[in-house]
């Protein structure tokens, strides 16, 4: 959570559970912009977009 505080964009490049299990609403309260690039396609796009995030999965 410390790494995303104030971020304009979040880029996920790992499948580690401590990152893939983050709650999009909780993370959304920390970032400046709700934009996520999922470089591993490890997140559920529906969950993140429903929480107000612009989601992009590489290769999708």
PDB file of N, CA and C in Angstrom:
ATOM      1  N   UNK A   1       0.822  -1.197   0.000  1.00  0.00           N
ATOM      2  CA  UNK A   1       0.000   0.000   0.000  1.00  0.00           C
ATOM      3  C   UNK A   1       0.862   1.256   0.000  1.00  0.00           C
ATOM      4  N   UNK A   2       1.985   1.205   0.689  1.00  0.00           N
ATOM      5  CA  UNK A   2       2.878   2.363   0.715  1.00  0.00           C
ATOM      6  C   UNK A   2       3.381   2.705  -0.685  1.00  0.00           C
ATOM      7  N   UNK A   3       3.596   1.686  -1.508  1.00  0.00           N
ATOM      8  CA  UNK A   3       4.138   1.901  -2.848  1.00  0.00           C
ATOM      9  C   UNK A   3       3.159   2.604  -3.782  1.00  0.00           C
ATOM     10  N   UNK A   4       1.855   2.517  -3.525  1.00  0.00           N
ATOM     11  CA  UNK A   4       0.875   3.106  -4.436  1.00  0.00           C
ATOM     12  C   UNK A   4       0.316   4.444  -3.960  1.00  0.00           C
ATOM     13  N   UNK A   5       0.648   4.859  -2.768  1.00  0.00           N
ATOM     14  CA  UNK A   5       0.105   6.102  -2.235  1.00  0.00           C
ATOM     15  C   UNK A   5       0.459   7.284  -3.133  1.00  0.00           C
ATOM     16  N   UNK A   6      -0.569   7.941  -3.651  1.00  0.00           N
ATOM     17  CA  UNK A   6      -0.394   9.099  -4.514  1.00  0.00           C
ATOM     18  C   UNK A   6      -0.068   8.777  -5.960  1.00  0.00           C
ATOM     19  N   UNK A   7      -0.056   7.501  -6.330  1.00  0.00           N
ATOM     20  CA  UNK A   7       0.324   7.102  -7.684  1.00  0.00           C
ATOM     21  C   UNK A   7      -0.731   7.495  -8.714  1.00  0.00           C
ATOM     22  N   UNK A   8      -0.260   7.870  -9.900  1.00  0.00           N
ATOM     23  CA  UNK A   8      -1.148   8.161 -11.015  1.00  0.00           C
ATOM     24  C   UNK A   8      -1.518   6.897 -11.777  1.00  0.00           C
ATOM     25  N   UNK A   9      -0.670   5.877 -11.677  1.00  0.00           N
ATOM     26  CA  UNK A   9      -0.907   4.603 -12.344  1.00  0.00           C
ATOM     27  C   UNK A   9      -0.252   3.500 -11.534  1.00  0.00           C
ATOM     28  N   UNK A  10      -0.896   2.349 -11.495  1.00  0.00           N
ATOM     29  CA  UNK A  10      -0.353   1.184 -10.802  1.00  0.00           C
ATOM     30  C   UNK A  10      -0.042   0.136 -11.863  1.00  0.00           C
ATOM     31  N   UNK A  11       1.179  -0.387 -11.844  1.00  0.00           N
ATOM     32  CA  UNK A  11       1.583  -1.425 -12.785  1.00  0.00           C
ATOM     33  C   UNK A  11       1.902  -2.678 -11.981  1.00  0.00           C
ATOM     34  N   UNK A  12       1.137  -3.734 -12.239  1.00  0.00           N
ATOM     35  CA  UNK A  12       1.359  -5.009 -11.559  1.00  0.00           C
ATOM     36  C   UNK A  12       2.188  -5.893 -12.473  1.00  0.00           C
ATOM     37  N   UNK A  13       3.367  -6.309 -12.013  1.00  0.00           N
ATOM     38  CA  UNK A  13       4.237  -7.148 -12.834  1.00  0.00           C
ATOM     39  C   UNK A  13       4.658  -8.421 -12.101  1.00  0.00           C
ATOM     40  N   UNK A  14       3.891  -8.796 -11.101  1.00  0.00           N
ATOM     41  CA  UNK A  14       4.169 -10.008 -10.348  1.00  0.00           C
ATOM     42  C   UNK A  14       2.856 -10.695 -10.000  1.00  0.00           C
ATOM     43  N   UNK A  15       2.913 -11.977  -9.759  1.00  0.00           N
ATOM     44  CA  UNK A  15       1.735 -12.728  -9.330  1.00  0.00           C
ATOM     45  C   UNK A  15       1.779 -13.032  -7.834  1.00  0.00           C
ATOM     46  N   UNK A  16       2.640 -12.372  -7.108  1.00  0.00           N
ATOM     47  CA  UNK A  16       2.752 -12.617  -5.679  1.00  0.00           C
ATOM     48  C   UNK A  16       1.411 -12.334  -5.005  1.00  0.00           C
ATOM     49  N   UNK A  17       0.964 -13.221  -4.134  1.00  0.00           N
ATOM     50  CA  UNK A  17      -0.352 -13.082  -3.512  1.00  0.00           C
ATOM     51  C   UNK A  17      -0.541 -11.802  -2.707  1.00  0.00           C
ATOM     52  N   UNK A  18       0.516 -11.268  -2.121  1.00  0.00           N
ATOM     53  CA  UNK A  18       0.356 -10.041  -1.348  1.00  0.00           C
ATOM     54  C   UNK A  18      -0.024  -8.856  -2.230  1.00  0.00           C
ATOM     55  N   UNK A  19       0.194  -8.964  -3.541  1.00  0.00           N
ATOM     56  CA  UNK A  19      -0.213  -7.915  -4.467  1.00  0.00           C
ATOM     57  C   UNK A  19      -1.510  -8.252  -5.190  1.00  0.00           C
ATOM     58  N   UNK A  20      -1.671  -9.499  -5.604  1.00  0.00           N
ATOM     59  CA  UNK A  20      -2.881  -9.881  -6.329  1.00  0.00           C
ATOM     60  C   UNK A  20      -4.108  -9.929  -5.431  1.00  0.00           C
ATOM     61  N   UNK A  21      -3.900 -10.038  -4.123  1.00  0.00           N
ATOM     62  CA  UNK A  21      -5.024 -10.103  -3.185  1.00  0.00           C
ATOM     63  C   UNK A  21      -5.445  -8.731  -2.658  1.00  0.00           C
ATOM     64  N   UNK A  22      -4.808  -7.670  -3.136  1.00  0.00           N
ATOM     65  CA  UNK A  22      -5.168  -6.329  -2.659  1.00  0.00           C
ATOM     66  C   UNK A  22      -6.615  -5.999  -3.020  1.00  0.00           C
ATOM     67  N   UNK A  23      -7.261  -5.307  -2.123  1.00  0.00           N
ATOM     68  CA  UNK A  23      -8.640  -4.888  -2.333  1.00  0.00           C
ATOM     69  C   UNK A  23      -8.636  -3.621  -3.185  1.00  0.00           C
ATOM     70  N   UNK A  24      -9.318  -3.634  -4.348  1.00  0.00           N
ATOM     71  CA  UNK A  24      -9.283  -2.459  -5.219  1.00  0.00           C
ATOM     72  C   UNK A  24      -9.899  -1.209  -4.594  1.00  0.00           C
ATOM     73  N   UNK A  25     -10.858  -1.367  -3.690  1.00  0.00           N
ATOM     74  CA  UNK A  25     -11.437  -0.203  -3.021  1.00  0.00           C
ATOM     75  C   UNK A  25     -10.440   0.416  -2.046  1.00  0.00           C
ATOM     76  N   UNK A  26      -9.735  -0.431  -1.308  1.00  0.00           N
ATOM     77  CA  UNK A  26      -8.724   0.054  -0.366  1.00  0.00           C
ATOM     78  C   UNK A  26      -7.592   0.751  -1.104  1.00  0.00           C
ATOM     79  N   UNK A  27      -7.096   0.109  -2.148  1.00  0.00           N
ATOM     80  CA  UNK A  27      -6.009   0.697  -2.934  1.00  0.00           C
ATOM     81  C   UNK A  27      -6.486   1.983  -3.605  1.00  0.00           C
ATOM     82  N   UNK A  28      -7.731   1.995  -4.057  1.00  0.00           N
ATOM     83  CA  UNK A  28      -8.292   3.168  -4.717  1.00  0.00           C
ATOM     84  C   UNK A  28      -8.321   4.399  -3.844  1.00  0.00           C
ATOM     85  N   UNK A  29      -8.425   4.189  -2.529  1.00  0.00           N
ATOM     86  CA  UNK A  29      -8.428   5.333  -1.616  1.00  0.00           C
ATOM     87  C   UNK A  29      -7.034   5.919  -1.427  1.00  0.00           C
ATOM     88  N   UNK A  30      -6.018   5.219  -1.906  1.00  0.00           N
ATOM     89  CA  UNK A  30      -4.635   5.656  -1.717  1.00  0.00           C
ATOM     90  C   UNK A  30      -4.037   6.341  -2.953  1.00  0.00           C
ATOM     91  N   UNK A  31      -4.513   5.980  -4.125  1.00  0.00           N
ATOM     92  CA  UNK A  31      -3.908   6.471  -5.367  1.00  0.00           C
ATOM     93  C   UNK A  31      -4.503   7.814  -5.790  1.00  0.00           C
ATOM     94  N   UNK A  32      -3.781   8.504  -6.663  1.00  0.00           N
ATOM     95  CA  UNK A  32      -4.288   9.756  -7.219  1.00  0.00           C
ATOM     96  C   UNK A  32      -5.262   9.474  -8.361  1.00  0.00           C
ATOM     97  N   UNK A  33      -4.974   8.441  -9.146  1.00  0.00           N
ATOM     98  CA  UNK A  33      -5.813   8.034 -10.284  1.00  0.00           C
ATOM     99  C   UNK A  33      -6.035   6.526 -10.197  1.00  0.00           C
ATOM    100  N   UNK A  34      -7.253   6.097 -10.464  1.00  0.00           N
ATOM    101  CA  UNK A  34      -7.549   4.658 -10.444  1.00  0.00           C
ATOM    102  C   UNK A  34      -7.293   4.060 -11.828  1.00  0.00           C
ATOM    103  N   UNK A  35      -6.018   3.825 -12.100  1.00  0.00           N
ATOM    104  CA  UNK A  35      -5.592   3.233 -13.365  1.00  0.00           C
ATOM    105  C   UNK A  35      -4.627   2.099 -13.029  1.00  0.00           C
ATOM    106  N   UNK A  36      -4.904   0.905 -13.546  1.00  0.00           N
ATOM    107  CA  UNK A  36      -4.020  -0.234 -13.290  1.00  0.00           C
ATOM    108  C   UNK A  36      -3.701  -0.930 -14.606  1.00  0.00           C
ATOM    109  N   UNK A  37      -2.421  -1.256 -14.772  1.00  0.00           N
ATOM    110  CA  UNK A  37      -1.963  -2.090 -15.873  1.00  0.00           C
ATOM    111  C   UNK A  37      -1.536  -3.416 -15.265  1.00  0.00           C
ATOM    112  N   UNK A  38      -2.209  -4.464 -15.678  1.00  0.00           N
ATOM    113  CA  UNK A  38      -1.960  -5.804 -15.144  1.00  0.00           C
ATOM    114  C   UNK A  38      -1.047  -6.545 -16.115  1.00  0.00           C
ATOM    115  N   UNK A  39       0.234  -6.504 -15.850  1.00  0.00           N
ATOM    116  CA  UNK A  39       1.221  -7.113 -16.729  1.00  0.00           C
ATOM    117  C   UNK A  39       1.256  -8.618 -16.672  1.00  0.00           C
ATOM    118  N   UNK A  40       0.589  -9.222 -15.709  1.00  0.00           N
ATOM    119  CA  UNK A  40       0.576 -10.677 -15.568  1.00  0.00           C
ATOM    120  C   UNK A  40      -0.828 -11.266 -15.736  1.00  0.00           C
ATOM    121  N   UNK A  41      -1.818 -10.419 -15.983  1.00  0.00           N
ATOM    122  CA  UNK A  41      -3.214 -10.862 -16.046  1.00  0.00           C
ATOM    123  C   UNK A  41      -3.575 -11.682 -14.808  1.00  0.00           C
ATOM    124  N   UNK A  42      -3.153 -11.177 -13.665  1.00  0.00           N
ATOM    125  CA  UNK A  42      -3.356 -11.864 -12.398  1.00  0.00           C
ATOM    126  C   UNK A  42      -4.542 -11.307 -11.618  1.00  0.00           C
ATOM    127  N   UNK A  43      -5.087 -10.182 -12.054  1.00  0.00           N
ATOM    128  CA  UNK A  43      -6.215  -9.557 -11.365  1.00  0.00           C
ATOM    129  C   UNK A  43      -7.509  -9.891 -12.093  1.00  0.00           C
ATOM    130  N   UNK A  44      -8.616  -9.837 -11.376  1.00  0.00           N
ATOM    131  CA  UNK A  44      -9.923 -10.031 -11.987  1.00  0.00           C
ATOM    132  C   UNK A  44     -10.389  -8.688 -12.551  1.00  0.00           C
ATOM    133  N   UNK A  45     -10.444  -8.559 -13.882  1.00  0.00           N
ATOM    134  CA  UNK A  45     -10.812  -7.274 -14.483  1.00  0.00           C
ATOM    135  C   UNK A  45     -12.163  -6.753 -14.007  1.00  0.00           C
ATOM    136  N   UNK A  46     -13.137  -7.632 -13.859  1.00  0.00           N
ATOM    137  CA  UNK A  46     -14.473  -7.207 -13.444  1.00  0.00           C
ATOM    138  C   UNK A  46     -14.441  -6.585 -12.049  1.00  0.00           C
ATOM    139  N   UNK A  47     -13.732  -7.205 -11.138  1.00  0.00           N
ATOM    140  CA  UNK A  47     -13.631  -6.687  -9.771  1.00  0.00           C
ATOM    141  C   UNK A  47     -13.025  -5.292  -9.761  1.00  0.00           C
ATOM    142  N   UNK A  48     -11.976  -5.096 -10.530  1.00  0.00           N
ATOM    143  CA  UNK A  48     -11.284  -3.814 -10.536  1.00  0.00           C
ATOM    144  C   UNK A  48     -12.083  -2.742 -11.258  1.00  0.00           C
ATOM    145  N   UNK A  49     -12.703  -3.065 -12.381  1.00  0.00           N
ATOM    146  CA  UNK A  49     -13.490  -2.055 -13.095  1.00  0.00           C
ATOM    147  C   UNK A  49     -14.753  -1.693 -12.316  1.00  0.00           C
ATOM    148  N   UNK A  50     -15.336  -2.655 -11.643  1.00  0.00           N
ATOM    149  CA  UNK A  50     -16.508  -2.382 -10.812  1.00  0.00           C
ATOM    150  C   UNK A  50     -16.164  -1.425  -9.673  1.00  0.00           C
ATOM    151  N   UNK A  51     -14.911  -1.480  -9.212  1.00  0.00           N
ATOM    152  CA  UNK A  51     -14.454  -0.593  -8.140  1.00  0.00           C
ATOM    153  C   UNK A  51     -14.028   0.778  -8.680  1.00  0.00           C
ATOM    154  N   UNK A  52     -14.261   1.021  -9.970  1.00  0.00           N
ATOM    155  CA  UNK A  52     -13.971   2.336 -10.533  1.00  0.00           C
ATOM    156  C   UNK A  52     -12.606   2.492 -11.166  1.00  0.00           C
ATOM    157  N   UNK A  53     -11.910   1.406 -11.375  1.00  0.00           N
ATOM    158  CA  UNK A  53     -10.575   1.455 -11.959  1.00  0.00           C
ATOM    159  C   UNK A  53     -10.642   1.350 -13.476  1.00  0.00           C
ATOM    160  N   UNK A  54      -9.742   2.042 -14.172  1.00  0.00           N
ATOM    161  CA  UNK A  54      -9.496   1.784 -15.585  1.00  0.00           C
ATOM    162  C   UNK A  54      -8.477   0.653 -15.610  1.00  0.00           C
ATOM    163  N   UNK A  55      -8.878  -0.485 -16.118  1.00  0.00           N
ATOM    164  CA  UNK A  55      -8.057  -1.694 -16.110  1.00  0.00           C
ATOM    165  C   UNK A  55      -7.554  -2.013 -17.513  1.00  0.00           C
ATOM    166  N   UNK A  56      -6.262  -2.317 -17.617  1.00  0.00           N
ATOM    167  CA  UNK A  56      -5.683  -2.814 -18.868  1.00  0.00           C
ATOM    168  C   UNK A  56      -4.845  -4.043 -18.546  1.00  0.00           C
ATOM    169  N   UNK A  57      -5.189  -5.143 -19.177  1.00  0.00           N
ATOM    170  CA  UNK A  57      -4.393  -6.363 -19.041  1.00  0.00           C
ATOM    171  C   UNK A  57      -3.581  -6.570 -20.307  1.00  0.00           C
ATOM    172  N   UNK A  58      -2.307  -6.762 -20.167  1.00  0.00           N
ATOM    173  CA  UNK A  58      -1.449  -6.954 -21.342  1.00  0.00           C
ATOM    174  C   UNK A  58      -1.831  -8.246 -22.047  1.00  0.00           C
ATOM    175  N   UNK A  59      -2.032  -8.150 -23.351  1.00  0.00           N
ATOM    176  CA  UNK A  59      -2.384  -9.312 -24.146  1.00  0.00           C
ATOM    177  C   UNK A  59      -3.866  -9.635 -24.164  1.00  0.00           C
ATOM    178  N   UNK A  60      -4.675  -8.846 -23.461  1.00  0.00           N
ATOM    179  CA  UNK A  60      -6.116  -9.115 -23.438  1.00  0.00           C
ATOM    180  C   UNK A  60      -6.809  -8.279 -24.476  1.00  0.00           C
TER     181      UNK A  60
END
